[in-house]
Amino acid sequence: MVSLRALAACLCLAPPAWACDLALALAVDVSGSVDSWEFNTQMDGLAAGLRDPIVSEALVRGQAQLMLVQWTGSSRQKITIPWTRIDSFATLDHFAEQVANDPRVWRNFSTAIGEALETTIASFDAVPQCKRHLIDLSGDGISNEGIEPSELRSLLRARGVTVNAIAIEESEPDLTAYFFENVIVGEGAFVVSAAGFSDYPERIRKKLLREVTQQTAGLE
């Protein structure tokens, strides 16, 4: 017969029961190199990717938390859709609709990837109940302002935050390699390449599939 003291000890040693599988921060590039059509293509493609049947099933089943960040140059990063608990398909559809209709905050500024990551890291304090913390960053250029993204790797690792990226190589053919070397971090972190913005919707869908089902690999 197990004593009450022994049972209490076992309960104290038991791993936490996670209330949420994934906290996913979607960080979208709205720098000056992104025109209006390209911005809309990103937002519509992201919304469609979230509605993918496999993606949506995984997000609802895992009670995921989703958030959207628009980012561009130094001191210009904004959470435009706050953390939202995806507890039903209706909630997910509403979140995707918000993404598709999210008004653009900035238009004519530089690319501060490090500051985008720095801003987003702090937001995870609001979702400690989630097992995985992940930043999904999209961009079409290298960081040219503010803190270098590579300087945040130690902090990201210490906070247990993984960064994956989608490199939109419209005008930067070596962007995938740059993201691989300087931006992504964490176990299983990866970069997905899009030849241009027209490829973004399909590539972000595949990226989300890998993220929500915990598939890993370095580059694609």
Protein backbone atom coordinates (compact mmCIF):
# COMPACT_ATOMS: atom_id res chain seq x y z
CA MET A 1 0.00 0.00 0.00
CA VAL A 2 1.38 3.42 -1.00
CA SER A 3 1.59 5.95 1.84
CA LEU A 4 0.20 9.46 1.43
CA ARG A 5 3.72 10.85 1.81
CA ALA A 6 5.04 8.64 -1.01
CA LEU A 7 2.09 9.55 -3.23
CA ALA A 8 2.69 13.26 -2.64
CA ALA A 9 6.36 12.81 -3.55
CA CYS A 10 5.41 11.09 -6.80
CA LEU A 11 3.01 13.89 -7.71
CA CYS A 12 5.70 16.51 -7.06
CA LEU A 13 8.10 14.70 -9.40
CA ALA A 14 5.55 14.21 -12.17
CA PRO A 15 6.13 16.30 -15.32
CA PRO A 16 3.74 19.22 -15.85
CA ALA A 17 0.55 18.61 -17.80
CA TRP A 18 0.83 21.16 -20.59
CA ALA A 19 -2.35 23.13 -21.23
CA CYS A 20 -1.13 24.02 -24.72
CA ASP A 21 1.22 22.28 -27.14
CA LEU A 22 2.49 25.28 -29.12
CA ALA A 23 2.79 29.05 -28.77
CA LEU A 24 3.43 30.26 -32.32
CA ALA A 25 4.35 33.90 -33.03
CA LEU A 26 3.94 34.77 -36.71
CA ALA A 27 6.39 37.57 -37.56
CA VAL A 28 5.68 39.19 -40.95
CA ASP A 29 8.10 41.47 -42.82
CA VAL A 30 6.51 44.80 -43.80
CA SER A 31 9.75 46.65 -44.70
CA GLY A 32 10.05 49.08 -47.59
CA SER A 33 11.04 46.35 -50.05
CA VAL A 34 7.57 44.78 -49.66
CA ASP A 35 4.99 46.45 -51.89
CA SER A 36 1.23 46.38 -51.34
CA TRP A 37 0.62 43.32 -53.51
CA GLU A 38 3.42 41.44 -51.78
CA PHE A 39 2.07 42.37 -48.35
CA ASN A 40 -1.41 41.14 -49.27
CA THR A 41 0.04 37.96 -50.75
CA GLN A 42 1.82 37.25 -47.46
CA MET A 43 -1.25 37.86 -45.32
CA ASP A 44 -3.66 35.96 -47.56
CA GLY A 45 -1.19 33.09 -47.91
CA LEU A 46 -0.65 32.92 -44.17
CA ALA A 47 -4.40 32.90 -43.52
CA ALA A 48 -4.89 30.11 -46.06
CA GLY A 49 -2.04 28.11 -44.52
CA LEU A 50 -3.63 28.33 -41.08
CA ARG A 51 -6.88 26.99 -42.56
CA ASP A 52 -5.16 23.96 -44.11
CA PRO A 53 -7.05 20.90 -42.76
CA ILE A 54 -3.98 19.25 -41.21
CA VAL A 55 -2.63 22.51 -39.80
CA SER A 56 -5.97 23.54 -38.33
CA GLU A 57 -6.58 20.10 -36.83
CA ALA A 58 -3.19 20.13 -35.11
CA LEU A 59 -3.64 23.67 -33.79
CA VAL A 60 -7.09 22.99 -32.35
CA ARG A 61 -6.14 19.61 -30.93
CA GLY A 62 -3.06 21.13 -29.26
CA GLN A 63 -4.97 24.16 -27.92
CA ALA A 64 -2.29 26.32 -29.54
CA GLN A 65 -1.72 30.00 -28.87
CA LEU A 66 -1.21 32.20 -31.96
CA MET A 67 -0.01 35.79 -32.30
CA LEU A 68 0.84 38.09 -35.23
CA VAL A 69 3.70 40.60 -35.32
CA GLN A 70 4.39 43.11 -38.07
CA TRP A 71 8.02 44.22 -38.20
CA THR A 72 10.32 46.42 -40.22
CA GLY A 73 13.11 48.83 -39.18
CA SER A 74 14.57 49.72 -35.81
CA SER A 75 11.92 50.43 -33.13
CA ARG A 76 9.15 49.48 -35.53
CA GLN A 77 7.75 46.16 -34.42
CA LYS A 78 4.12 45.79 -33.35
CA ILE A 79 1.93 42.94 -32.12
CA THR A 80 -1.14 43.54 -34.27
CA ILE A 81 -3.06 40.42 -33.18
CA PRO A 82 -2.41 39.39 -29.56
CA TRP A 83 -2.12 35.84 -28.26
CA THR A 84 -5.27 33.91 -29.12
CA ARG A 85 -6.07 30.47 -27.75
CA ILE A 86 -7.14 28.19 -30.60
CA ASP A 87 -9.74 26.10 -28.78
CA SER A 88 -12.06 25.50 -31.74
CA PHE A 89 -12.16 25.60 -35.53
CA ALA A 90 -14.37 28.68 -35.30
CA THR A 91 -11.69 30.47 -33.26
CA LEU A 92 -9.03 29.47 -35.77
CA ASP A 93 -11.13 30.68 -38.69
CA HIS A 94 -11.67 34.00 -36.94
CA PHE A 95 -7.94 34.37 -36.29
CA ALA A 96 -7.18 33.58 -39.95
CA GLU A 97 -9.75 36.18 -41.01
CA GLN A 98 -8.05 38.74 -38.77
CA VAL A 99 -4.70 37.91 -40.40
CA ALA A 100 -6.10 38.31 -43.91
CA ASN A 101 -7.56 41.71 -43.01
CA ASP A 102 -4.81 42.99 -40.73
CA PRO A 103 -4.01 46.55 -41.86
CA ARG A 104 -0.41 47.30 -42.66
CA VAL A 105 1.33 49.38 -39.97
CA TRP A 106 4.44 50.63 -41.86
CA ARG A 107 5.53 50.90 -45.49
CA ASN A 108 8.89 52.63 -46.01
CA PHE A 109 11.44 51.46 -43.47
CA SER A 110 14.49 49.22 -43.16
CA THR A 111 14.91 45.59 -42.07
CA ALA A 112 15.67 45.03 -38.38
CA ILE A 113 15.39 41.27 -37.91
CA GLY A 114 17.19 41.30 -34.56
CA GLU A 115 14.75 43.78 -33.08
CA ALA A 116 11.82 41.80 -34.47
CA LEU A 117 13.10 38.74 -32.62
CA GLU A 118 13.86 40.72 -29.47
CA THR A 119 10.33 42.14 -29.33
CA THR A 120 8.76 38.75 -29.93
CA ILE A 121 10.85 36.91 -27.32
CA ALA A 122 9.35 39.02 -24.53
CA SER A 123 5.80 38.17 -25.61
CA PHE A 124 6.23 34.51 -24.60
CA ASP A 125 6.05 35.54 -20.94
CA ALA A 126 2.28 35.65 -21.45
CA VAL A 127 2.01 31.98 -22.51
CA PRO A 128 4.13 29.95 -20.05
CA GLN A 129 1.57 27.13 -20.15
CA CYS A 130 2.65 26.14 -23.68
CA LYS A 131 5.09 23.28 -24.21
CA ARG A 132 6.81 24.76 -27.28
CA HIS A 133 7.61 28.40 -27.99
CA LEU A 134 8.23 29.15 -31.68
CA ILE A 135 8.79 32.23 -33.83
CA ASP A 136 7.85 31.85 -37.49
CA LEU A 137 9.67 34.71 -39.24
CA SER A 138 9.23 35.64 -42.89
CA GLY A 139 11.44 38.10 -44.72
CA ASP A 140 12.76 39.16 -48.12
CA GLY A 141 16.08 40.69 -47.10
CA ILE A 142 19.01 40.59 -44.72
CA SER A 143 19.02 42.61 -41.50
CA ASN A 144 20.42 46.07 -42.21
CA GLU A 145 19.54 47.97 -39.05
CA GLY A 146 19.60 47.47 -35.29
CA ILE A 147 20.92 44.51 -33.32
CA GLU A 148 22.26 41.59 -35.36
CA PRO A 149 19.92 38.58 -35.13
CA SER A 150 22.84 36.24 -34.40
CA GLU A 151 23.52 38.17 -31.19
CA LEU A 152 20.21 36.93 -29.78
CA ARG A 153 20.91 33.24 -30.16
CA SER A 154 22.08 32.75 -26.57
CA LEU A 155 18.99 34.50 -25.24
CA LEU A 156 16.68 32.49 -27.50
CA ARG A 157 18.26 29.23 -26.37
CA ALA A 158 18.08 30.27 -22.72
CA ARG A 159 14.39 31.10 -23.11
CA GLY A 160 13.68 27.88 -24.99
CA VAL A 161 12.43 29.72 -28.07
CA THR A 162 12.91 28.17 -31.53
CA VAL A 163 13.12 30.39 -34.62
CA ASN A 164 12.22 29.09 -38.07
CA ALA A 165 12.26 31.27 -41.18
CA ILE A 166 10.87 31.55 -44.67
CA ALA A 167 13.28 33.28 -47.05
CA ILE A 168 11.53 35.11 -49.89
CA GLU A 169 14.31 35.33 -52.46
CA GLU A 170 12.65 37.91 -54.73
CA SER A 171 15.77 40.10 -54.82
CA GLU A 172 18.15 38.30 -52.41
CA PRO A 173 19.23 34.98 -53.97
CA ASP A 174 21.45 34.09 -51.00
CA LEU A 175 18.82 34.90 -48.37
CA THR A 176 18.20 31.26 -47.42
CA ALA A 177 21.86 30.81 -46.52
CA TYR A 178 21.85 34.08 -44.57
CA PHE A 179 18.81 33.02 -42.55
CA PHE A 180 20.34 29.61 -41.94
CA GLU A 181 23.58 31.12 -40.65
CA ASN A 182 22.22 34.11 -38.74
CA VAL A 183 18.52 33.82 -37.88
CA ILE A 184 17.24 30.33 -37.11
CA VAL A 185 17.97 28.73 -33.75
CA GLY A 186 16.74 25.81 -31.66
CA GLU A 187 16.43 22.07 -31.96
CA GLY A 188 15.12 21.14 -35.40
CA ALA A 189 15.10 24.77 -36.61
CA PHE A 190 14.81 25.16 -40.39
CA VAL A 191 14.57 27.58 -43.29
CA VAL A 192 12.08 27.28 -46.14
CA SER A 193 12.85 29.06 -49.43
CA ALA A 194 10.36 30.85 -51.67
CA ALA A 195 11.64 31.96 -55.08
CA GLY A 196 9.38 35.00 -54.87
CA PHE A 197 6.21 36.30 -53.24
CA SER A 198 4.06 34.34 -55.69
CA ASP A 199 5.53 31.16 -54.17
CA TYR A 200 4.90 32.32 -50.61
CA PRO A 201 1.38 30.89 -50.05
CA GLU A 202 2.37 27.30 -50.85
CA ARG A 203 5.69 27.52 -49.05
CA ILE A 204 4.19 28.97 -45.85
CA ARG A 205 1.56 26.22 -45.90
CA LYS A 206 4.27 23.57 -46.02
CA LYS A 207 6.25 25.40 -43.34
CA LEU A 208 3.26 25.49 -40.99
CA LEU A 209 2.68 21.78 -41.60
CA ARG A 210 6.23 21.02 -40.47
CA GLU A 211 5.96 23.27 -37.45
CA VAL A 212 2.65 22.10 -36.04
CA THR A 213 3.49 18.42 -36.59
CA GLN A 214 7.06 18.87 -35.23
CA GLN A 215 8.78 17.75 -38.42
CA THR A 216 12.42 18.83 -38.54
CA ALA A 217 15.24 19.33 -41.03
CA GLY A 218 17.74 22.06 -41.85
CA LEU A 219 16.79 23.50 -45.23
CA GLU A 220 14.12 23.07 -47.84
